[in-house]
N, C-alpha and C. Protein backbone atom coordinates (compact mmCIF):
# COMPACT_ATOMS: atom_id res chain seq x y z
N UNK A 1 55.64 31.08 12.65
CA UNK A 1 55.47 30.35 11.40
C UNK A 1 54.77 29.01 11.68
N UNK A 2 55.23 28.28 12.69
CA UNK A 2 54.66 26.99 13.04
C UNK A 2 53.21 27.17 13.51
N UNK A 3 52.98 28.25 14.23
CA UNK A 3 51.64 28.53 14.72
C UNK A 3 50.68 28.77 13.56
N UNK A 4 51.11 29.47 12.51
CA UNK A 4 50.27 29.73 11.34
C UNK A 4 49.95 28.41 10.62
N UNK A 5 50.90 27.52 10.54
CA UNK A 5 50.69 26.22 9.87
C UNK A 5 49.67 25.40 10.66
N UNK A 6 49.78 25.42 11.98
CA UNK A 6 48.85 24.67 12.83
C UNK A 6 47.44 25.25 12.68
N UNK A 7 47.32 26.56 12.70
CA UNK A 7 46.01 27.21 12.55
C UNK A 7 45.42 26.90 11.18
N UNK A 8 46.22 26.97 10.13
CA UNK A 8 45.76 26.65 8.78
C UNK A 8 45.30 25.19 8.71
N UNK A 9 46.07 24.31 9.30
CA UNK A 9 45.73 22.89 9.31
C UNK A 9 44.39 22.66 10.03
N UNK A 10 44.18 23.31 11.17
CA UNK A 10 42.93 23.17 11.92
C UNK A 10 41.75 23.73 11.13
N UNK A 11 41.95 24.82 10.44
CA UNK A 11 40.88 25.41 9.61
C UNK A 11 40.52 24.44 8.48
N UNK A 12 41.50 23.86 7.84
CA UNK A 12 41.24 22.91 6.76
C UNK A 12 40.47 21.68 7.26
N UNK A 13 40.82 21.20 8.42
CA UNK A 13 40.11 20.05 9.00
C UNK A 13 38.66 20.44 9.29
N UNK A 14 38.47 21.61 9.90
CA UNK A 14 37.12 22.05 10.25
C UNK A 14 36.26 22.22 9.01
N UNK A 15 36.81 22.79 7.94
CA UNK A 15 36.06 23.01 6.71
C UNK A 15 35.75 21.70 6.02
N UNK A 16 36.71 20.80 5.97
CA UNK A 16 36.48 19.53 5.27
C UNK A 16 35.47 18.66 6.01
N UNK A 17 35.43 18.73 7.32
CA UNK A 17 34.46 17.95 8.08
C UNK A 17 33.05 18.53 7.97
N UNK A 18 32.96 19.80 7.72
CA UNK A 18 31.67 20.47 7.64
C UNK A 18 30.98 20.34 6.29
N UNK A 19 31.70 19.90 5.28
CA UNK A 19 31.11 19.78 3.94
C UNK A 19 30.39 18.45 3.86
N UNK A 20 29.12 18.50 3.54
CA UNK A 20 28.37 17.26 3.40
C UNK A 20 27.99 17.05 1.93
N UNK A 21 27.88 15.80 1.58
CA UNK A 21 27.53 15.45 0.22
C UNK A 21 26.03 15.62 0.03
N UNK A 22 25.64 16.11 -1.13
CA UNK A 22 24.23 16.29 -1.42
C UNK A 22 23.56 14.93 -1.58
N UNK A 23 22.41 14.77 -0.95
CA UNK A 23 21.66 13.53 -1.03
C UNK A 23 20.34 13.78 -1.72
N UNK A 24 19.83 12.77 -2.36
CA UNK A 24 18.62 12.88 -3.19
C UNK A 24 17.39 12.52 -2.37
N UNK A 25 16.36 13.37 -2.45
CA UNK A 25 15.07 13.07 -1.84
C UNK A 25 14.20 12.38 -2.88
N UNK A 26 13.38 11.44 -2.43
CA UNK A 26 12.48 10.72 -3.33
C UNK A 26 11.05 11.04 -2.90
N UNK A 27 10.45 12.08 -3.49
CA UNK A 27 9.10 12.47 -3.07
C UNK A 27 8.04 11.42 -3.44
N UNK A 28 8.16 10.78 -4.60
CA UNK A 28 7.22 9.74 -5.02
C UNK A 28 8.00 8.49 -5.44
N UNK A 29 8.74 8.61 -6.54
CA UNK A 29 9.62 7.54 -7.00
C UNK A 29 10.67 8.12 -7.93
N UNK A 30 11.72 7.36 -8.16
CA UNK A 30 12.76 7.72 -9.12
C UNK A 30 13.06 6.49 -9.97
N UNK A 31 13.46 6.71 -11.20
CA UNK A 31 14.01 5.64 -12.02
C UNK A 31 15.50 5.92 -12.11
N UNK A 32 16.30 5.01 -11.57
CA UNK A 32 17.74 5.21 -11.51
C UNK A 32 18.46 4.14 -12.32
N UNK A 33 19.64 4.48 -12.80
CA UNK A 33 20.43 3.54 -13.58
C UNK A 33 21.40 2.80 -12.67
N UNK A 34 22.20 1.95 -13.26
CA UNK A 34 23.25 1.19 -12.56
C UNK A 34 22.70 0.13 -11.62
N UNK A 35 21.61 -0.52 -12.01
CA UNK A 35 21.07 -1.61 -11.21
C UNK A 35 21.77 -2.92 -11.54
N UNK A 36 21.08 -4.01 -11.25
CA UNK A 36 21.63 -5.34 -11.49
C UNK A 36 21.93 -5.53 -12.97
N UNK A 37 22.87 -6.41 -13.24
CA UNK A 37 23.17 -6.78 -14.62
C UNK A 37 22.57 -8.15 -14.88
N UNK A 38 21.95 -8.30 -16.05
CA UNK A 38 21.43 -9.60 -16.43
C UNK A 38 22.03 -9.99 -17.77
N UNK A 39 21.95 -11.25 -18.08
CA UNK A 39 22.54 -11.78 -19.30
C UNK A 39 21.99 -11.03 -20.52
N UNK A 40 22.88 -10.51 -21.34
CA UNK A 40 22.47 -9.82 -22.56
C UNK A 40 22.18 -8.35 -22.39
N UNK A 41 22.30 -7.83 -21.19
CA UNK A 41 22.00 -6.42 -20.95
C UNK A 41 23.13 -5.76 -20.17
N UNK A 42 23.21 -4.46 -20.33
CA UNK A 42 24.04 -3.69 -19.42
C UNK A 42 23.26 -3.62 -18.11
N UNK A 43 23.71 -2.83 -17.18
CA UNK A 43 22.99 -2.75 -15.91
C UNK A 43 21.58 -2.22 -16.13
N UNK A 44 20.66 -2.76 -15.37
CA UNK A 44 19.26 -2.39 -15.50
C UNK A 44 18.97 -1.07 -14.79
N UNK A 45 17.90 -0.44 -15.19
CA UNK A 45 17.37 0.70 -14.46
C UNK A 45 16.47 0.13 -13.37
N UNK A 46 16.26 0.90 -12.33
CA UNK A 46 15.42 0.44 -11.23
C UNK A 46 14.44 1.53 -10.81
N UNK A 47 13.26 1.11 -10.45
CA UNK A 47 12.21 1.96 -9.91
C UNK A 47 12.44 1.98 -8.40
N UNK A 48 12.71 3.15 -7.83
CA UNK A 48 13.06 3.27 -6.42
C UNK A 48 12.05 4.17 -5.71
N UNK A 49 11.61 3.73 -4.53
CA UNK A 49 10.73 4.57 -3.72
C UNK A 49 11.05 4.37 -2.24
N UNK A 50 10.63 5.34 -1.44
CA UNK A 50 10.87 5.27 0.00
C UNK A 50 9.82 4.38 0.65
N UNK A 51 10.27 3.52 1.51
CA UNK A 51 9.39 2.58 2.20
C UNK A 51 8.74 3.26 3.40
N UNK A 52 7.54 2.80 3.75
CA UNK A 52 6.91 3.19 5.01
C UNK A 52 7.29 2.11 6.01
N UNK A 53 8.12 2.44 6.97
CA UNK A 53 8.65 1.46 7.90
C UNK A 53 7.61 0.89 8.86
N UNK A 54 6.41 1.48 8.87
CA UNK A 54 5.32 0.94 9.71
C UNK A 54 4.64 -0.25 9.02
N UNK A 55 4.77 -0.35 7.70
CA UNK A 55 4.14 -1.43 6.95
C UNK A 55 4.83 -2.76 7.20
N UNK A 56 4.14 -3.82 6.82
CA UNK A 56 4.78 -5.13 6.84
C UNK A 56 5.94 -5.08 5.85
N UNK A 57 6.92 -5.95 5.98
CA UNK A 57 8.03 -5.95 5.02
C UNK A 57 7.53 -6.11 3.58
N UNK A 58 8.14 -5.41 2.66
CA UNK A 58 7.73 -5.44 1.25
C UNK A 58 7.77 -6.86 0.70
N UNK A 59 8.76 -7.65 1.11
CA UNK A 59 8.87 -9.03 0.63
C UNK A 59 7.64 -9.84 1.03
N UNK A 60 7.12 -9.58 2.22
CA UNK A 60 5.92 -10.28 2.68
C UNK A 60 4.71 -9.85 1.85
N UNK A 61 4.63 -8.56 1.55
CA UNK A 61 3.55 -8.05 0.70
C UNK A 61 3.60 -8.69 -0.69
N UNK A 62 4.79 -8.73 -1.28
CA UNK A 62 4.96 -9.31 -2.62
C UNK A 62 4.59 -10.79 -2.60
N UNK A 63 5.03 -11.49 -1.58
CA UNK A 63 4.73 -12.91 -1.46
C UNK A 63 3.23 -13.15 -1.39
N UNK A 64 2.52 -12.34 -0.63
CA UNK A 64 1.06 -12.47 -0.52
C UNK A 64 0.36 -12.07 -1.81
N UNK A 65 0.76 -10.96 -2.38
CA UNK A 65 0.11 -10.45 -3.59
C UNK A 65 0.24 -11.42 -4.76
N UNK A 66 1.42 -11.99 -4.94
CA UNK A 66 1.65 -12.87 -6.09
C UNK A 66 1.54 -14.35 -5.71
N UNK A 67 1.01 -14.61 -4.51
CA UNK A 67 0.76 -15.98 -4.03
C UNK A 67 1.99 -16.87 -4.16
N UNK A 68 3.09 -16.35 -3.70
CA UNK A 68 4.35 -17.09 -3.66
C UNK A 68 4.50 -17.68 -2.26
N UNK A 69 5.16 -18.80 -2.16
CA UNK A 69 5.39 -19.41 -0.86
C UNK A 69 6.73 -19.02 -0.27
N UNK A 70 7.42 -18.07 -0.92
CA UNK A 70 8.78 -17.75 -0.53
C UNK A 70 8.92 -16.24 -0.32
N UNK A 71 9.17 -15.83 0.93
CA UNK A 71 9.37 -14.40 1.22
C UNK A 71 10.63 -13.86 0.57
N UNK A 72 11.57 -14.73 0.25
CA UNK A 72 12.86 -14.29 -0.24
C UNK A 72 12.99 -14.39 -1.76
N UNK A 73 11.89 -14.63 -2.45
CA UNK A 73 11.91 -14.71 -3.90
C UNK A 73 12.23 -13.34 -4.47
N UNK A 74 13.25 -13.27 -5.32
CA UNK A 74 13.72 -11.99 -5.85
C UNK A 74 13.24 -11.72 -7.27
N UNK A 75 12.63 -12.71 -7.91
CA UNK A 75 12.15 -12.53 -9.29
C UNK A 75 10.77 -13.17 -9.42
N UNK A 76 9.85 -12.43 -10.05
CA UNK A 76 8.50 -12.93 -10.26
C UNK A 76 8.06 -12.55 -11.67
N UNK A 77 7.51 -13.52 -12.40
CA UNK A 77 6.95 -13.25 -13.72
C UNK A 77 5.50 -12.80 -13.57
N UNK A 78 5.14 -11.77 -14.33
CA UNK A 78 3.77 -11.26 -14.34
C UNK A 78 3.33 -11.11 -15.80
N UNK A 79 2.03 -10.95 -16.01
CA UNK A 79 1.48 -10.70 -17.35
C UNK A 79 0.70 -9.38 -17.31
N UNK A 80 0.97 -8.56 -18.30
CA UNK A 80 0.24 -7.30 -18.47
C UNK A 80 -0.19 -7.26 -19.93
N UNK A 81 -1.50 -7.25 -20.17
CA UNK A 81 -2.03 -7.21 -21.54
C UNK A 81 -1.41 -8.28 -22.43
N UNK A 82 -1.37 -9.50 -21.96
CA UNK A 82 -0.84 -10.66 -22.69
C UNK A 82 0.66 -10.60 -22.96
N UNK A 83 1.38 -9.67 -22.38
CA UNK A 83 2.84 -9.62 -22.47
C UNK A 83 3.40 -10.07 -21.13
N UNK A 84 4.51 -10.83 -21.16
CA UNK A 84 5.13 -11.32 -19.93
C UNK A 84 6.29 -10.41 -19.54
N UNK A 85 6.38 -10.14 -18.25
CA UNK A 85 7.42 -9.31 -17.69
C UNK A 85 7.95 -9.96 -16.42
N UNK A 86 9.20 -9.69 -16.12
CA UNK A 86 9.79 -10.19 -14.88
C UNK A 86 10.11 -8.99 -13.98
N UNK A 87 9.60 -9.07 -12.75
CA UNK A 87 9.94 -8.09 -11.73
C UNK A 87 11.15 -8.62 -10.97
N UNK A 88 12.14 -7.78 -10.81
CA UNK A 88 13.37 -8.15 -10.11
C UNK A 88 13.51 -7.24 -8.89
N UNK A 89 13.46 -7.85 -7.71
CA UNK A 89 13.48 -7.09 -6.46
C UNK A 89 14.89 -7.06 -5.89
N UNK A 90 15.24 -5.94 -5.29
CA UNK A 90 16.56 -5.77 -4.67
C UNK A 90 16.41 -5.92 -3.16
N UNK A 91 17.28 -6.72 -2.54
CA UNK A 91 17.28 -6.76 -1.09
C UNK A 91 18.16 -5.62 -0.57
N UNK A 92 18.29 -5.50 0.75
CA UNK A 92 19.05 -4.38 1.34
C UNK A 92 20.49 -4.33 0.85
N UNK A 93 21.15 -5.49 0.81
CA UNK A 93 22.56 -5.52 0.39
C UNK A 93 22.71 -5.14 -1.08
N UNK A 94 21.80 -5.61 -1.92
CA UNK A 94 21.86 -5.25 -3.34
C UNK A 94 21.57 -3.77 -3.56
N UNK A 95 20.62 -3.24 -2.80
CA UNK A 95 20.34 -1.81 -2.91
C UNK A 95 21.59 -1.00 -2.56
N UNK A 96 22.25 -1.40 -1.49
CA UNK A 96 23.46 -0.70 -1.08
C UNK A 96 24.55 -0.83 -2.15
N UNK A 97 24.70 -2.00 -2.72
CA UNK A 97 25.73 -2.25 -3.73
C UNK A 97 25.49 -1.45 -5.01
N UNK A 98 24.27 -1.43 -5.50
CA UNK A 98 23.99 -0.82 -6.80
C UNK A 98 23.58 0.66 -6.71
N UNK A 99 22.86 1.03 -5.68
CA UNK A 99 22.35 2.40 -5.59
C UNK A 99 22.99 3.21 -4.48
N UNK A 100 23.34 2.55 -3.39
CA UNK A 100 23.96 3.23 -2.26
C UNK A 100 22.95 3.98 -1.41
N UNK A 101 22.61 3.45 -0.26
CA UNK A 101 21.64 4.08 0.63
C UNK A 101 22.07 5.49 1.02
N UNK A 102 23.37 5.72 1.12
CA UNK A 102 23.85 7.03 1.54
C UNK A 102 23.62 8.11 0.49
N UNK A 103 23.23 7.73 -0.72
CA UNK A 103 22.94 8.71 -1.77
C UNK A 103 21.54 9.30 -1.65
N UNK A 104 20.72 8.74 -0.78
CA UNK A 104 19.32 9.16 -0.65
C UNK A 104 19.02 9.54 0.79
N UNK A 105 18.07 10.42 0.95
CA UNK A 105 17.65 10.84 2.29
C UNK A 105 16.20 10.39 2.48
N UNK A 106 15.95 9.75 3.62
CA UNK A 106 14.60 9.31 3.95
C UNK A 106 13.80 10.50 4.46
N UNK A 107 12.68 10.77 3.84
CA UNK A 107 11.84 11.89 4.24
C UNK A 107 10.99 11.54 5.46
N UNK A 108 10.63 10.27 5.58
CA UNK A 108 9.79 9.81 6.69
C UNK A 108 10.63 9.01 7.67
N UNK A 109 10.90 9.59 8.81
CA UNK A 109 11.68 8.93 9.85
C UNK A 109 10.72 8.29 10.85
N UNK A 110 11.07 7.10 11.34
CA UNK A 110 10.26 6.40 12.32
C UNK A 110 11.13 6.01 13.51
N UNK A 111 10.51 6.02 14.68
CA UNK A 111 11.21 5.54 15.86
C UNK A 111 11.26 4.01 15.81
N UNK A 112 12.15 3.44 16.57
CA UNK A 112 12.32 1.98 16.58
C UNK A 112 11.02 1.28 16.99
N UNK A 113 10.25 1.87 17.88
CA UNK A 113 9.00 1.26 18.34
C UNK A 113 7.95 1.19 17.24
N UNK A 114 7.99 2.10 16.28
CA UNK A 114 7.00 2.14 15.21
C UNK A 114 7.36 1.25 14.02
N UNK A 115 8.60 0.80 13.94
CA UNK A 115 9.04 0.01 12.80
C UNK A 115 8.50 -1.42 12.91
N UNK A 116 8.15 -1.97 11.74
CA UNK A 116 7.66 -3.34 11.68
C UNK A 116 8.70 -4.21 11.01
N UNK A 117 9.18 -5.21 11.70
CA UNK A 117 10.13 -6.14 11.11
C UNK A 117 11.43 -5.47 10.72
N UNK A 118 12.09 -6.07 9.75
CA UNK A 118 13.38 -5.58 9.28
C UNK A 118 13.19 -4.91 7.92
N UNK A 119 12.48 -3.81 7.91
CA UNK A 119 12.18 -3.12 6.66
C UNK A 119 13.35 -2.26 6.18
N UNK A 120 13.52 -2.21 4.89
CA UNK A 120 14.52 -1.34 4.27
C UNK A 120 13.94 0.06 4.15
N UNK A 121 14.80 1.07 4.17
CA UNK A 121 14.34 2.45 4.00
C UNK A 121 13.87 2.71 2.58
N UNK A 122 14.49 2.03 1.61
CA UNK A 122 14.15 2.24 0.21
C UNK A 122 13.92 0.90 -0.47
N UNK A 123 13.03 0.89 -1.44
CA UNK A 123 12.72 -0.32 -2.19
C UNK A 123 13.03 -0.07 -3.65
N UNK A 124 13.69 -1.04 -4.29
CA UNK A 124 14.05 -0.92 -5.71
C UNK A 124 13.56 -2.16 -6.46
N UNK A 125 13.01 -1.91 -7.65
CA UNK A 125 12.49 -2.98 -8.50
C UNK A 125 12.91 -2.70 -9.93
N UNK A 126 13.48 -3.69 -10.59
CA UNK A 126 13.75 -3.61 -12.03
C UNK A 126 12.71 -4.44 -12.75
N UNK A 127 12.54 -4.17 -14.05
CA UNK A 127 11.53 -4.90 -14.82
C UNK A 127 12.07 -5.16 -16.22
N UNK A 128 11.99 -6.43 -16.66
CA UNK A 128 12.41 -6.78 -18.02
C UNK A 128 11.25 -7.49 -18.71
N UNK A 129 11.29 -7.48 -20.05
CA UNK A 129 10.26 -8.20 -20.80
C UNK A 129 10.75 -9.61 -21.11
N UNK A 130 9.96 -10.36 -21.86
CA UNK A 130 10.30 -11.76 -22.13
C UNK A 130 11.53 -11.90 -23.03
N UNK A 131 11.94 -10.81 -23.68
CA UNK A 131 13.16 -10.83 -24.50
C UNK A 131 14.38 -10.33 -23.72
N UNK A 132 14.24 -10.20 -22.41
CA UNK A 132 15.34 -9.77 -21.55
C UNK A 132 15.72 -8.30 -21.74
N UNK A 133 14.79 -7.47 -22.19
CA UNK A 133 15.07 -6.04 -22.42
C UNK A 133 14.59 -5.23 -21.22
N UNK A 134 15.38 -4.26 -20.84
CA UNK A 134 15.06 -3.37 -19.73
C UNK A 134 13.84 -2.53 -20.08
N UNK A 135 12.78 -2.67 -19.32
CA UNK A 135 11.54 -1.93 -19.58
C UNK A 135 11.57 -0.51 -19.03
N UNK A 136 12.53 -0.21 -18.16
CA UNK A 136 12.58 1.11 -17.53
C UNK A 136 13.60 2.03 -18.19
N UNK A 137 14.29 1.54 -19.20
CA UNK A 137 15.29 2.36 -19.87
C UNK A 137 14.60 3.43 -20.72
N UNK A 138 15.20 4.60 -20.76
CA UNK A 138 14.66 5.70 -21.56
C UNK A 138 14.52 5.24 -23.01
N UNK A 139 13.35 5.45 -23.60
CA UNK A 139 13.12 5.09 -24.99
C UNK A 139 12.52 3.71 -25.19
N UNK A 140 12.37 2.94 -24.14
CA UNK A 140 11.77 1.61 -24.25
C UNK A 140 10.29 1.74 -24.59
N UNK A 141 9.82 0.85 -25.45
CA UNK A 141 8.39 0.84 -25.78
C UNK A 141 7.54 0.46 -24.58
N UNK A 142 8.16 -0.20 -23.61
CA UNK A 142 7.44 -0.65 -22.43
C UNK A 142 7.60 0.27 -21.23
N UNK A 143 8.31 1.38 -21.38
CA UNK A 143 8.61 2.22 -20.22
C UNK A 143 7.34 2.73 -19.53
N UNK A 144 6.37 3.23 -20.29
CA UNK A 144 5.15 3.75 -19.68
C UNK A 144 4.35 2.65 -18.99
N UNK A 145 4.30 1.47 -19.62
CA UNK A 145 3.60 0.34 -19.02
C UNK A 145 4.28 -0.05 -17.70
N UNK A 146 5.61 -0.13 -17.73
CA UNK A 146 6.37 -0.53 -16.54
C UNK A 146 6.20 0.47 -15.41
N UNK A 147 6.36 1.74 -15.71
CA UNK A 147 6.24 2.76 -14.66
C UNK A 147 4.82 2.79 -14.09
N UNK A 148 3.82 2.70 -14.95
CA UNK A 148 2.43 2.69 -14.47
C UNK A 148 2.17 1.50 -13.55
N UNK A 149 2.65 0.33 -13.95
CA UNK A 149 2.44 -0.87 -13.14
C UNK A 149 3.18 -0.76 -11.81
N UNK A 150 4.43 -0.35 -11.83
CA UNK A 150 5.22 -0.25 -10.60
C UNK A 150 4.70 0.84 -9.68
N UNK A 151 4.22 1.95 -10.25
CA UNK A 151 3.65 3.01 -9.43
C UNK A 151 2.37 2.52 -8.75
N UNK A 152 1.56 1.78 -9.47
CA UNK A 152 0.33 1.22 -8.89
C UNK A 152 0.68 0.22 -7.78
N UNK A 153 1.69 -0.62 -8.00
CA UNK A 153 2.14 -1.58 -6.99
C UNK A 153 2.63 -0.84 -5.74
N UNK A 154 3.44 0.20 -5.94
CA UNK A 154 3.96 1.01 -4.83
C UNK A 154 2.82 1.67 -4.07
N UNK A 155 1.90 2.31 -4.79
CA UNK A 155 0.80 3.02 -4.14
C UNK A 155 -0.09 2.06 -3.35
N UNK A 156 -0.34 0.88 -3.91
CA UNK A 156 -1.15 -0.12 -3.23
C UNK A 156 -0.47 -0.56 -1.93
N UNK A 157 0.83 -0.82 -2.00
CA UNK A 157 1.59 -1.23 -0.81
C UNK A 157 1.58 -0.14 0.26
N UNK A 158 1.86 1.10 -0.13
CA UNK A 158 1.95 2.18 0.85
C UNK A 158 0.59 2.58 1.40
N UNK A 159 -0.42 2.59 0.55
CA UNK A 159 -1.76 3.03 0.95
C UNK A 159 -2.42 2.03 1.90
N UNK A 160 -2.22 0.75 1.66
CA UNK A 160 -2.92 -0.28 2.43
C UNK A 160 -2.05 -0.92 3.51
N UNK A 161 -0.94 -0.26 3.88
CA UNK A 161 -0.02 -0.77 4.90
C UNK A 161 0.48 -2.16 4.56
N UNK A 162 0.55 -2.45 3.28
CA UNK A 162 1.06 -3.75 2.85
C UNK A 162 0.02 -4.86 2.94
N UNK A 163 -1.21 -4.51 3.29
CA UNK A 163 -2.29 -5.50 3.40
C UNK A 163 -3.21 -5.40 2.20
N UNK A 164 -3.97 -6.47 1.97
CA UNK A 164 -4.96 -6.44 0.87
C UNK A 164 -6.31 -6.05 1.39
């Protein structure tokens, strides 16, 4: 009887250790919910894509592209067709807090020798308009504008190794 209990217990341990949680692949980009919260809004949606770890850090690219003097600036105002929008960038800790790195699988793996700087595996960006409305939320009048702009920003960064 005791032997059967021990065998059953060992089988349960083996089965439970072998079950892995399904992780999401990001072939191009995803728009995910549960991002940062800002005044007057529920949590924002975020545009998420996989980083190329050979590129310069995304923060350095953003700083150069928008002529900022601060690599650690997390919010930048931009204008698209005379409308003002704020890009909100997530650092590694914020990405982990709001999206969870373990929920995603990196398709492009790099050896330590090929990595440049302290790059994150995934990059997340939220976007709001001048009225503090989430531009990436389903049904937003700005959703297509936001996704087009962020996709172009992502493609430019990945295609040009973060350089201009």
